[in-house]
PDB file of all heavy atoms in Angstrom:
ATOM      1  N   GLU A   1      -3.158 -14.204 -10.765  1.00  0.00           N
ATOM      2  CA  GLU A   1      -1.750 -14.209 -10.560  1.00  0.00           C
ATOM      3  C   GLU A   1      -1.438 -12.607 -10.613  1.00  0.00           C
ATOM      4  O   GLU A   1      -0.567 -12.148  -9.712  1.00  0.00           O
ATOM      5  CB  GLU A   1      -0.924 -14.901 -11.573  1.00  0.00           C
ATOM      6  CG  GLU A   1      -1.098 -16.370 -11.530  1.00  0.00           C
ATOM      7  CD  GLU A   1      -2.409 -16.857 -12.399  1.00  0.00           C
ATOM      8  OE1 GLU A   1      -2.944 -16.182 -13.117  1.00  0.00           O
ATOM      9  OE2 GLU A   1      -2.767 -18.046 -12.064  1.00  0.00           O
ATOM     10  N   ASP A   2      -1.796 -11.913 -11.566  1.00  0.00           N
ATOM     11  CA  ASP A   2      -1.461 -10.404 -11.658  1.00  0.00           C
ATOM     12  C   ASP A   2      -2.032  -9.589 -10.551  1.00  0.00           C
ATOM     13  O   ASP A   2      -1.523  -8.787  -9.982  1.00  0.00           O
ATOM     14  CB  ASP A   2      -1.811  -9.868 -13.000  1.00  0.00           C
ATOM     15  CG  ASP A   2      -1.099 -10.460 -14.212  1.00  0.00           C
ATOM     16  OD1 ASP A   2       0.067 -10.806 -13.855  1.00  0.00           O
ATOM     17  OD2 ASP A   2      -1.536 -10.482 -15.300  1.00  0.00           O
ATOM     18  N   SER A   3      -3.250 -10.116 -10.157  1.00  0.00           N
ATOM     19  CA  SER A   3      -3.921  -9.323  -9.043  1.00  0.00           C
ATOM     20  C   SER A   3      -3.271  -9.607  -7.680  1.00  0.00           C
ATOM     21  O   SER A   3      -2.904  -8.645  -6.951  1.00  0.00           O
ATOM     22  CB  SER A   3      -5.374  -9.817  -8.935  1.00  0.00           C
ATOM     23  OG  SER A   3      -6.135  -9.520 -10.183  1.00  0.00           O
ATOM     24  N   GLU A   4      -2.862 -10.837  -7.514  1.00  0.00           N
ATOM     25  CA  GLU A   4      -2.084 -11.180  -6.294  1.00  0.00           C
ATOM     26  C   GLU A   4      -0.689 -10.482  -6.306  1.00  0.00           C
ATOM     27  O   GLU A   4      -0.338  -9.918  -5.136  1.00  0.00           O
ATOM     28  CB  GLU A   4      -1.843 -12.726  -6.151  1.00  0.00           C
ATOM     29  CG  GLU A   4      -3.132 -13.457  -5.836  1.00  0.00           C
ATOM     30  CD  GLU A   4      -3.044 -14.866  -5.990  1.00  0.00           C
ATOM     31  OE1 GLU A   4      -1.863 -15.487  -6.190  1.00  0.00           O
ATOM     32  OE2 GLU A   4      -4.059 -15.593  -5.795  1.00  0.00           O
ATOM     33  N   GLU A   5      -0.117 -10.314  -7.341  1.00  0.00           N
ATOM     34  CA  GLU A   5       1.310  -9.729  -7.473  1.00  0.00           C
ATOM     35  C   GLU A   5       1.022  -8.102  -7.087  1.00  0.00           C
ATOM     36  O   GLU A   5       1.812  -7.619  -6.459  1.00  0.00           O
ATOM     37  CB  GLU A   5       1.885  -9.912  -8.740  1.00  0.00           C
ATOM     38  CG  GLU A   5       3.242  -9.500  -8.913  1.00  0.00           C
ATOM     39  CD  GLU A   5       3.930  -9.839 -10.142  1.00  0.00           C
ATOM     40  OE1 GLU A   5       3.665 -10.996 -10.571  1.00  0.00           O
ATOM     41  OE2 GLU A   5       4.863  -9.165 -10.553  1.00  0.00           O
ATOM     42  N   CYS A   6       0.009  -7.524  -7.692  1.00  0.00           N
ATOM     43  CA  CYS A   6      -0.354  -6.114  -7.385  1.00  0.00           C
ATOM     44  C   CYS A   6      -0.603  -5.927  -5.978  1.00  0.00           C
ATOM     45  O   CYS A   6      -0.349  -4.953  -5.332  1.00  0.00           O
ATOM     46  CB  CYS A   6      -1.503  -5.656  -8.195  1.00  0.00           C
ATOM     47  SG  CYS A   6      -0.975  -5.203  -9.929  1.00  0.00           S
ATOM     48  N   VAL A   7      -1.217  -6.849  -5.290  1.00  0.00           N
ATOM     49  CA  VAL A   7      -1.631  -6.765  -3.915  1.00  0.00           C
ATOM     50  C   VAL A   7      -0.322  -6.801  -3.134  1.00  0.00           C
ATOM     51  O   VAL A   7      -0.060  -5.954  -2.233  1.00  0.00           O
ATOM     52  CB  VAL A   7      -2.570  -7.754  -3.410  1.00  0.00           C
ATOM     53  CG1 VAL A   7      -2.758  -7.773  -1.906  1.00  0.00           C
ATOM     54  CG2 VAL A   7      -3.947  -7.534  -4.070  1.00  0.00           C
ATOM     55  N   ASN A   8       0.528  -7.718  -3.488  1.00  0.00           N
ATOM     56  CA  ASN A   8       1.798  -7.779  -2.718  1.00  0.00           C
ATOM     57  C   ASN A   8       2.737  -6.588  -2.951  1.00  0.00           C
ATOM     58  O   ASN A   8       3.307  -6.036  -2.003  1.00  0.00           O
ATOM     59  CB  ASN A   8       2.682  -9.087  -3.161  1.00  0.00           C
ATOM     60  CG  ASN A   8       1.942 -10.279  -2.641  1.00  0.00           C
ATOM     61  OD1 ASN A   8       1.515 -10.327  -1.649  1.00  0.00           O
ATOM     62  ND2 ASN A   8       2.176 -11.345  -3.404  1.00  0.00           N
ATOM     63  N   ASP A   9       2.587  -6.028  -4.189  1.00  0.00           N
ATOM     64  CA  ASP A   9       3.404  -4.715  -4.479  1.00  0.00           C
ATOM     65  C   ASP A   9       2.778  -3.607  -3.676  1.00  0.00           C
ATOM     66  O   ASP A   9       3.532  -2.708  -3.295  1.00  0.00           O
ATOM     67  CB  ASP A   9       3.339  -4.346  -5.943  1.00  0.00           C
ATOM     68  CG  ASP A   9       4.239  -5.290  -6.833  1.00  0.00           C
ATOM     69  OD1 ASP A   9       5.026  -6.031  -6.213  1.00  0.00           O
ATOM     70  OD2 ASP A   9       4.003  -5.360  -8.029  1.00  0.00           O
ATOM     71  N   THR A  10       1.411  -3.680  -3.494  1.00  0.00           N
ATOM     72  CA  THR A  10       0.668  -2.675  -2.666  1.00  0.00           C
ATOM     73  C   THR A  10       1.362  -2.724  -1.127  1.00  0.00           C
ATOM     74  O   THR A  10       1.667  -1.543  -0.647  1.00  0.00           O
ATOM     75  CB  THR A  10      -0.789  -2.976  -2.511  1.00  0.00           C
ATOM     76  OG1 THR A  10      -1.330  -2.853  -3.835  1.00  0.00           O
ATOM     77  CG2 THR A  10      -1.470  -1.924  -1.665  1.00  0.00           C
ATOM     78  N   TYR A  11       1.680  -3.833  -0.594  1.00  0.00           N
ATOM     79  CA  TYR A  11       2.172  -3.819   0.719  1.00  0.00           C
ATOM     80  C   TYR A  11       3.514  -3.287   0.698  1.00  0.00           C
ATOM     81  O   TYR A  11       3.918  -2.528   1.591  1.00  0.00           O
ATOM     82  CB  TYR A  11       2.254  -5.283   1.312  1.00  0.00           C
ATOM     83  CG  TYR A  11       0.988  -6.102   1.218  1.00  0.00           C
ATOM     84  CD1 TYR A  11       0.801  -7.378   1.023  1.00  0.00           C
ATOM     85  CD2 TYR A  11      -0.285  -5.325   1.476  1.00  0.00           C
ATOM     86  CE1 TYR A  11      -0.480  -7.986   1.008  1.00  0.00           C
ATOM     87  CE2 TYR A  11      -1.490  -5.960   1.509  1.00  0.00           C
ATOM     88  CZ  TYR A  11      -1.600  -7.305   1.304  1.00  0.00           C
ATOM     89  OH  TYR A  11      -2.787  -8.045   1.393  1.00  0.00           O
ATOM     90  N   LEU A  12       4.324  -3.505  -0.287  1.00  0.00           N
ATOM     91  CA  LEU A  12       5.682  -3.076  -0.457  1.00  0.00           C
ATOM     92  C   LEU A  12       5.679  -1.488  -0.499  1.00  0.00           C
ATOM     93  O   LEU A  12       6.272  -0.697   0.129  1.00  0.00           O
ATOM     94  CB  LEU A  12       6.442  -3.605  -1.645  1.00  0.00           C
ATOM     95  CG  LEU A  12       7.916  -2.986  -1.917  1.00  0.00           C
ATOM     96  CD1 LEU A  12       8.740  -3.255  -0.801  1.00  0.00           C
ATOM     97  CD2 LEU A  12       8.361  -3.563  -3.224  1.00  0.00           C
ATOM     98  N   HIS A  13       4.782  -0.999  -1.414  1.00  0.00           N
ATOM     99  CA  HIS A  13       4.562   0.528  -1.590  1.00  0.00           C
ATOM    100  C   HIS A  13       4.126   1.131  -0.207  1.00  0.00           C
ATOM    101  O   HIS A  13       4.633   2.223   0.061  1.00  0.00           O
ATOM    102  CB  HIS A  13       3.631   0.742  -2.731  1.00  0.00           C
ATOM    103  CG  HIS A  13       4.319   0.757  -4.143  1.00  0.00           C
ATOM    104  ND1 HIS A  13       4.706  -0.428  -4.593  1.00  0.00           N
ATOM    105  CD2 HIS A  13       4.646   1.690  -5.040  1.00  0.00           C
ATOM    106  CE1 HIS A  13       5.209  -0.165  -5.891  1.00  0.00           C
ATOM    107  NE2 HIS A  13       5.237   1.106  -6.074  1.00  0.00           N
ATOM    108  N   ALA A  14       3.134   0.490   0.364  1.00  0.00           N
ATOM    109  CA  ALA A  14       2.852   0.952   1.653  1.00  0.00           C
ATOM    110  C   ALA A  14       3.955   1.130   2.653  1.00  0.00           C
ATOM    111  O   ALA A  14       4.116   1.951   3.374  1.00  0.00           O
ATOM    112  CB  ALA A  14       1.618   0.246   2.231  1.00  0.00           C
ATOM    113  N   TRP A  15       4.772   0.021   2.793  1.00  0.00           N
ATOM    114  CA  TRP A  15       5.849  -0.091   3.672  1.00  0.00           C
ATOM    115  C   TRP A  15       6.791   1.067   3.343  1.00  0.00           C
ATOM    116  O   TRP A  15       7.385   1.611   4.253  1.00  0.00           O
ATOM    117  CB  TRP A  15       6.523  -1.507   3.408  1.00  0.00           C
ATOM    118  CG  TRP A  15       7.775  -1.688   4.280  1.00  0.00           C
ATOM    119  CD1 TRP A  15       9.082  -1.404   3.981  1.00  0.00           C
ATOM    120  CD2 TRP A  15       7.778  -2.161   5.617  1.00  0.00           C
ATOM    121  NE1 TRP A  15       9.906  -1.621   4.940  1.00  0.00           N
ATOM    122  CE2 TRP A  15       9.168  -2.200   6.102  1.00  0.00           C
ATOM    123  CE3 TRP A  15       6.849  -2.678   6.513  1.00  0.00           C
ATOM    124  CZ2 TRP A  15       9.518  -2.638   7.335  1.00  0.00           C
ATOM    125  CZ3 TRP A  15       7.188  -3.081   7.693  1.00  0.00           C
ATOM    126  CH2 TRP A  15       8.510  -2.937   8.086  1.00  0.00           C
ATOM    127  N   ASN A  16       7.158   1.340   2.135  1.00  0.00           N
ATOM    128  CA  ASN A  16       8.032   2.426   1.687  1.00  0.00           C
ATOM    129  C   ASN A  16       7.486   3.734   1.779  1.00  0.00           C
ATOM    130  O   ASN A  16       8.293   4.685   2.196  1.00  0.00           O
ATOM    131  CB  ASN A  16       8.507   2.269   0.231  1.00  0.00           C
ATOM    132  CG  ASN A  16       9.371   0.954   0.033  1.00  0.00           C
ATOM    133  OD1 ASN A  16      10.120   0.494   0.936  1.00  0.00           O
ATOM    134  ND2 ASN A  16       9.233   0.347  -1.169  1.00  0.00           N
ATOM    135  N   ALA A  17       6.175   3.930   1.804  1.00  0.00           N
ATOM    136  CA  ALA A  17       5.541   5.295   1.931  1.00  0.00           C
ATOM    137  C   ALA A  17       5.277   5.669   3.287  1.00  0.00           C
ATOM    138  O   ALA A  17       5.254   6.888   3.729  1.00  0.00           O
ATOM    139  CB  ALA A  17       4.245   5.292   1.132  1.00  0.00           C
ATOM    140  N   MET A  18       5.134   4.811   4.260  1.00  0.00           N
ATOM    141  CA  MET A  18       4.598   5.078   5.554  1.00  0.00           C
ATOM    142  C   MET A  18       5.608   5.907   6.426  1.00  0.00           C
ATOM    143  O   MET A  18       5.022   6.818   7.078  1.00  0.00           O
ATOM    144  CB  MET A  18       4.338   3.730   6.407  1.00  0.00           C
ATOM    145  CG  MET A  18       3.144   3.119   5.968  1.00  0.00           C
ATOM    146  SD  MET A  18       1.614   3.838   6.374  1.00  0.00           S
ATOM    147  CE  MET A  18       0.458   2.711   5.830  1.00  0.00           C
ATOM    148  N   PRO A  19       6.899   5.670   6.220  1.00  0.00           N
ATOM    149  CA  PRO A  19       7.719   6.653   7.149  1.00  0.00           C
ATOM    150  C   PRO A  19       7.595   8.165   6.749  1.00  0.00           C
ATOM    151  O   PRO A  19       7.765   9.108   7.537  1.00  0.00           O
ATOM    152  CB  PRO A  19       9.112   6.231   6.924  1.00  0.00           C
ATOM    153  CG  PRO A  19       8.990   4.731   6.506  1.00  0.00           C
ATOM    154  CD  PRO A  19       7.782   4.736   5.714  1.00  0.00           C
ATOM    155  N   ASP A  20       7.209   8.361   5.496  1.00  0.00           N
ATOM    156  CA  ASP A  20       7.089   9.827   5.084  1.00  0.00           C
ATOM    157  C   ASP A  20       5.675  10.290   5.282  1.00  0.00           C
ATOM    158  O   ASP A  20       5.523  11.565   5.364  1.00  0.00           O
ATOM    159  CB  ASP A  20       7.508   9.897   3.492  1.00  0.00           C
ATOM    160  CG  ASP A  20       8.815   9.449   3.266  1.00  0.00           C
ATOM    161  OD1 ASP A  20       9.691   9.572   4.186  1.00  0.00           O
ATOM    162  OD2 ASP A  20       9.208   9.081   2.098  1.00  0.00           O
ATOM    163  N   GLN A  21       4.642   9.437   5.264  1.00  0.00           N
ATOM    164  CA  GLN A  21       3.325  10.029   5.403  1.00  0.00           C
ATOM    165  C   GLN A  21       2.506   9.109   6.297  1.00  0.00           C
ATOM    166  O   GLN A  21       2.720   7.815   6.367  1.00  0.00           O
ATOM    167  CB  GLN A  21       2.689  10.239   4.054  1.00  0.00           C
ATOM    168  CG  GLN A  21       2.640   9.004   3.201  1.00  0.00           C
ATOM    169  CD  GLN A  21       2.025   9.382   1.777  1.00  0.00           C
ATOM    170  OE1 GLN A  21       0.869   9.858   1.773  1.00  0.00           O
ATOM    171  NE2 GLN A  21       2.769   9.228   0.781  1.00  0.00           N
ATOM    172  N   ARG A  22       1.526   9.639   6.998  1.00  0.00           N
ATOM    173  CA  ARG A  22       0.705   8.856   7.869  1.00  0.00           C
ATOM    174  C   ARG A  22      -0.731   8.995   7.308  1.00  0.00           C
ATOM    175  O   ARG A  22      -1.373  10.057   7.482  1.00  0.00           O
ATOM    176  CB  ARG A  22       0.782   9.366   9.308  1.00  0.00           C
ATOM    177  CG  ARG A  22       0.000   8.533  10.324  1.00  0.00           C
ATOM    178  CD  ARG A  22       0.161   8.990  11.698  1.00  0.00           C
ATOM    179  NE  ARG A  22       1.490   8.694  12.247  1.00  0.00           N
ATOM    180  CZ  ARG A  22       1.814   7.530  12.978  1.00  0.00           C
ATOM    181  NH1 ARG A  22       0.792   6.803  13.220  1.00  0.00           N
ATOM    182  NH2 ARG A  22       2.965   7.339  13.455  1.00  0.00           N
ATOM    183  N   PRO A  23      -1.241   7.977   6.641  1.00  0.00           N
ATOM    184  CA  PRO A  23      -2.543   8.060   5.984  1.00  0.00           C
ATOM    185  C   PRO A  23      -3.602   8.297   6.885  1.00  0.00           C
ATOM    186  O   PRO A  23      -3.674   7.637   8.093  1.00  0.00           O
ATOM    187  CB  PRO A  23      -2.710   6.869   5.128  1.00  0.00           C
ATOM    188  CG  PRO A  23      -1.776   5.790   5.724  1.00  0.00           C
ATOM    189  CD  PRO A  23      -0.705   6.708   6.419  1.00  0.00           C
ATOM    190  N   ASN A  24      -4.618   9.139   6.608  1.00  0.00           N
ATOM    191  CA  ASN A  24      -5.782   9.433   7.380  1.00  0.00           C
ATOM    192  C   ASN A  24      -6.819   8.209   7.357  1.00  0.00           C
ATOM    193  O   ASN A  24      -7.349   7.836   8.328  1.00  0.00           O
ATOM    194  CB  ASN A  24      -6.492  10.717   7.002  1.00  0.00           C
ATOM    195  CG  ASN A  24      -5.765  11.863   7.245  1.00  0.00           C
ATOM    196  OD1 ASN A  24      -4.988  12.069   8.086  1.00  0.00           O
ATOM    197  ND2 ASN A  24      -5.966  12.921   6.465  1.00  0.00           N
ATOM    198  N   LYS A  25      -6.894   7.634   6.195  1.00  0.00           N
ATOM    199  CA  LYS A  25      -7.751   6.458   5.937  1.00  0.00           C
ATOM    200  C   LYS A  25      -7.058   5.388   5.332  1.00  0.00           C
ATOM    201  O   LYS A  25      -6.757   5.422   4.126  1.00  0.00           O
ATOM    202  CB  LYS A  25      -8.987   6.889   5.250  1.00  0.00           C
ATOM    203  CG  LYS A  25     -10.055   5.880   5.206  1.00  0.00           C
ATOM    204  CD  LYS A  25     -11.421   6.466   4.855  1.00  0.00           C
ATOM    205  CE  LYS A  25     -12.507   5.484   4.479  1.00  0.00           C
ATOM    206  NZ  LYS A  25     -12.953   4.809   5.763  1.00  0.00           N
ATOM    207  N   LEU A  26      -6.669   4.443   5.980  1.00  0.00           N
ATOM    208  CA  LEU A  26      -5.665   3.300   5.530  1.00  0.00           C
ATOM    209  C   LEU A  26      -6.374   2.606   4.330  1.00  0.00           C
ATOM    210  O   LEU A  26      -5.644   2.298   3.334  1.00  0.00           O
ATOM    211  CB  LEU A  26      -5.462   2.394   6.685  1.00  0.00           C
ATOM    212  CG  LEU A  26      -4.511   1.358   6.269  1.00  0.00           C
ATOM    213  CD1 LEU A  26      -3.048   1.782   5.728  1.00  0.00           C
ATOM    214  CD2 LEU A  26      -4.124   0.368   7.400  1.00  0.00           C
ATOM    215  N   SER A  27      -7.739   2.300   4.336  1.00  0.00           N
ATOM    216  CA  SER A  27      -8.271   1.518   3.267  1.00  0.00           C
ATOM    217  C   SER A  27      -8.187   2.369   1.948  1.00  0.00           C
ATOM    218  O   SER A  27      -7.824   1.897   0.862  1.00  0.00           O
ATOM    219  CB  SER A  27      -9.640   1.337   3.558  1.00  0.00           C
ATOM    220  OG  SER A  27     -10.525   2.411   3.778  1.00  0.00           O
ATOM    221  N   ALA A  28      -8.381   3.746   1.884  1.00  0.00           N
ATOM    222  CA  ALA A  28      -8.423   4.555   0.825  1.00  0.00           C
ATOM    223  C   ALA A  28      -6.939   4.747   0.451  1.00  0.00           C
ATOM    224  O   ALA A  28      -6.568   4.570  -0.912  1.00  0.00           O
ATOM    225  CB  ALA A  28      -8.824   5.895   1.104  1.00  0.00           C
ATOM    226  N   PHE A  29      -5.967   4.714   1.251  1.00  0.00           N
ATOM    227  CA  PHE A  29      -4.578   4.787   0.964  1.00  0.00           C
ATOM    228  C   PHE A  29      -4.182   3.479   0.276  1.00  0.00           C
ATOM    229  O   PHE A  29      -3.500   3.569  -0.860  1.00  0.00           O
ATOM    230  CB  PHE A  29      -3.756   4.891   2.156  1.00  0.00           C
ATOM    231  CG  PHE A  29      -2.289   4.960   2.050  1.00  0.00           C
ATOM    232  CD1 PHE A  29      -1.607   6.047   1.549  1.00  0.00           C
ATOM    233  CD2 PHE A  29      -1.433   3.903   2.501  1.00  0.00           C
ATOM    234  CE1 PHE A  29      -0.208   6.203   1.455  1.00  0.00           C
ATOM    235  CE2 PHE A  29      -0.118   4.000   2.298  1.00  0.00           C
ATOM    236  CZ  PHE A  29       0.547   5.122   1.722  1.00  0.00           C
ATOM    237  N   LEU A  30      -4.438   2.347   0.658  1.00  0.00           N
ATOM    238  CA  LEU A  30      -4.172   1.001   0.104  1.00  0.00           C
ATOM    239  C   LEU A  30      -4.907   0.834  -1.186  1.00  0.00           C
ATOM    240  O   LEU A  30      -4.330   0.286  -2.115  1.00  0.00           O
ATOM    241  CB  LEU A  30      -4.427  -0.156   1.046  1.00  0.00           C
ATOM    242  CG  LEU A  30      -3.613  -0.090   2.366  1.00  0.00           C
ATOM    243  CD1 LEU A  30      -4.266  -1.144   3.282  1.00  0.00           C
ATOM    244  CD2 LEU A  30      -2.173  -0.436   1.964  1.00  0.00           C
ATOM    245  N   GLY A  31      -6.183   1.245  -1.101  1.00  0.00           N
ATOM    246  CA  GLY A  31      -6.920   1.124  -2.476  1.00  0.00           C
ATOM    247  C   GLY A  31      -6.351   1.804  -3.663  1.00  0.00           C
ATOM    248  O   GLY A  31      -6.369   1.493  -4.731  1.00  0.00           O
TER     249      GLY A  31
END
């Protein structure tokens, strides 16, 4: 449950971070 919640929070954080920065390597950014 906690892992799934963190993954969902990851998507939200990525959504909020993307307009400000464009990651070179998406997997590393998400990880």
